Protein backbone atom coordinates (compact mmCIF):
# COMPACT_ATOMS: atom_id res chain seq x y z
CA MET A 1 71.11 69.61 89.54
CA PRO A 2 72.08 67.95 93.05
CA ARG A 3 71.84 64.17 93.05
CA PRO A 4 69.12 62.25 95.01
CA LEU A 5 70.33 61.88 98.74
CA GLY A 6 70.75 58.40 99.82
CA GLU A 7 69.22 56.79 102.33
CA LEU A 8 71.09 57.28 105.68
CA GLU A 9 71.98 61.50 104.37
CA ASP A 10 68.57 62.14 103.91
CA ALA A 11 67.97 60.45 107.48
CA VAL A 12 71.43 63.05 108.49
CA MET A 13 69.87 65.61 105.94
CA THR A 14 65.96 65.88 107.31
CA ARG A 15 67.32 66.35 110.72
CA VAL A 16 69.87 69.08 110.17
CA TRP A 17 66.81 70.68 108.31
CA GLN A 18 63.96 70.32 111.06
CA TRP A 19 66.97 71.48 113.71
CA ASN A 20 67.59 74.58 111.78
CA ARG A 21 71.10 75.77 113.50
CA PRO A 22 74.54 74.72 113.50
CA VAL A 23 74.14 70.19 114.78
CA THR A 24 77.17 68.05 115.79
CA VAL A 25 77.89 65.03 114.74
CA ARG A 26 77.49 63.63 118.27
CA GLU A 27 73.62 65.51 118.35
CA VAL A 28 72.98 63.55 115.08
CA LEU A 29 73.97 60.54 116.19
CA GLU A 30 71.99 60.31 119.78
CA ASP A 31 68.51 61.06 117.20
CA LEU A 32 69.66 58.25 115.00
CA GLN A 33 70.06 55.91 117.60
CA GLN A 34 66.89 56.15 118.71
CA GLU A 35 65.14 54.32 115.16
CA ARG A 36 68.56 52.25 114.65
CA SER A 37 71.76 50.94 115.97
CA ILE A 38 74.41 53.21 114.22
CA ALA A 39 78.23 54.12 114.75
CA TYR A 40 79.39 57.28 115.66
CA THR A 41 82.14 56.41 112.57
CA THR A 42 79.23 56.27 110.15
CA VAL A 43 77.59 59.57 111.24
CA MET A 44 80.95 61.17 110.98
CA THR A 45 81.66 59.86 107.23
CA VAL A 46 78.12 60.95 106.15
CA MET A 47 78.00 64.34 107.31
CA ASP A 48 81.61 64.55 106.11
CA ASN A 49 80.43 63.41 102.93
CA LEU A 50 77.67 65.61 102.81
CA HIS A 51 79.89 68.53 103.14
CA GLN A 52 82.47 67.37 100.54
CA LYS A 53 79.00 67.23 98.33
CA GLY A 54 78.37 71.08 99.50
CA TRP A 55 75.13 70.12 100.80
CA VAL A 56 76.28 71.57 104.64
CA ARG A 57 78.72 73.90 105.74
CA ARG A 58 80.98 73.16 108.83
CA GLU A 59 82.83 75.42 111.50
CA VAL A 60 84.93 73.95 114.09
CA GLU A 61 83.98 74.61 117.44
CA GLY A 62 86.51 73.34 119.90
CA ARG A 63 87.71 69.66 118.83
CA ALA A 64 84.24 69.22 116.83
CA TYR A 65 82.66 70.24 113.25
CA ARG A 66 79.34 72.36 113.86
CA TYR A 67 76.94 71.90 110.39
CA THR A 68 74.67 74.22 108.99
CA ALA A 69 72.53 73.16 105.94
CA VAL A 70 73.62 74.98 103.02
CA SER A 71 69.40 74.94 101.23
CA THR A 72 66.79 74.07 102.53
CA ARG A 73 64.79 71.23 101.59
CA ALA A 74 62.05 72.94 99.75
CA ALA A 75 64.99 74.00 97.36
CA TYR A 76 66.25 70.36 96.50
CA ALA A 77 62.80 68.87 96.46
CA ALA A 78 62.37 71.86 93.70
CA ALA A 79 65.86 71.16 92.08
CA LEU A 80 64.79 67.51 91.91
CA MET A 81 61.51 68.19 90.20
CA ASN A 82 63.14 70.27 88.07
CA GLU A 83 65.83 68.11 86.80
CA ALA A 84 63.00 65.17 86.27
CA TRP A 85 60.59 67.65 84.20
CA SER A 86 63.88 68.79 82.62
CA ARG A 87 64.43 65.33 81.24
CA SER A 88 61.25 64.46 79.98
CA ASP A 89 61.18 64.30 76.02
CA ASN A 90 57.23 65.94 75.99
CA PRO A 91 57.33 68.75 79.61
CA ALA A 92 54.06 69.46 79.06
CA ALA A 93 52.27 65.45 78.70
CA ALA A 94 54.82 65.39 82.26
CA LEU A 95 53.21 68.16 84.03
CA VAL A 96 49.68 66.94 83.28
CA ALA A 97 50.60 63.30 84.38
CA PHE A 98 52.59 64.68 87.59
CA PHE A 99 49.35 67.04 88.39
CA GLY A 100 46.99 63.12 87.83
CA MET A 101 48.83 62.06 90.64
CA MET A 102 48.19 65.06 93.16
CA SER A 103 45.88 64.74 96.03
CA PRO A 104 43.68 67.45 96.53
CA ASP A 105 45.56 69.13 99.35
CA GLN A 106 48.52 69.01 96.72
CA ARG A 107 47.10 70.56 93.99
CA GLU A 108 45.69 73.36 96.86
CA ALA A 109 49.28 73.49 97.86
CA LEU A 110 49.98 74.03 94.05
CA ASP A 111 47.34 76.57 93.22
CA ASP A 112 48.62 78.38 96.48
CA ALA A 113 52.44 78.41 95.15
CA ILE A 114 50.87 79.70 91.53
CA ARG A 115 49.19 82.86 93.03
CA ILE A 116 52.39 83.57 95.26
CA VAL A 117 55.06 83.05 92.46
CA GLN A 118 52.44 85.29 90.47
CA ARG A 119 52.66 88.13 92.94
CA VAL A 120 55.91 88.15 93.27
CA THR A 121 56.65 87.49 89.60
CA PRO A 122 54.42 88.68 88.01
CA LEU A 123 54.36 87.94 83.55
CA PRO A 124 55.56 89.67 81.59
CA ALA A 125 52.79 92.01 79.37
CA SER A 126 52.77 90.71 76.08
CA PRO A 127 53.96 93.51 73.52
CA PRO A 128 51.36 95.26 71.25
CA ALA A 129 50.76 93.59 68.25
CA PRO A 130 52.12 94.90 64.92
CA PRO A 131 49.41 97.29 63.33
CA GLU A 132 47.59 95.41 60.47
CA GLU A 133 48.16 96.45 56.73
CA GLY A 134 46.19 99.37 55.85
CA ALA A 135 44.49 100.41 59.42
CA GLY A 136 45.85 103.52 59.80
CA GLY A 137 49.58 104.73 60.62
CA THR A 138 52.16 104.57 57.86
CA GLY A 139 50.37 102.25 55.22
CA PRO A 140 50.47 102.87 51.59
CA GLU A 141 47.97 104.76 51.34
CA GLU A 142 48.66 107.32 53.53
CA ARG A 143 52.22 108.21 51.23
């Protein structure tokens, strides 16, 4: 399970995910500078750390790297939710509490997601129940 991203890591990854293309440190820096004062070396260090942690891959282009996300924000969010849920001593109660916090729009999104998952990976059919004793077949009265 991935460790939750820090505040600056999340700001950088948000751009990488939103742009959905290889990005340079300079591009991320210029966008971040619209919100805060930040140095090129700081962004470069964060992106190198994200590479070391496996969040982004990088390819050399000239004298710079271009960084690409390894997975999606949705996959990251799902991993965080799964980790939190798996740490619960009562997963069913955790889900009930989580669903209780959801807005109507979030519940609708959950319903949509369940329908999609059921279409893609239907639940396996239940195995047939074993015949009841004396209900035909090879029961003692037929031997």
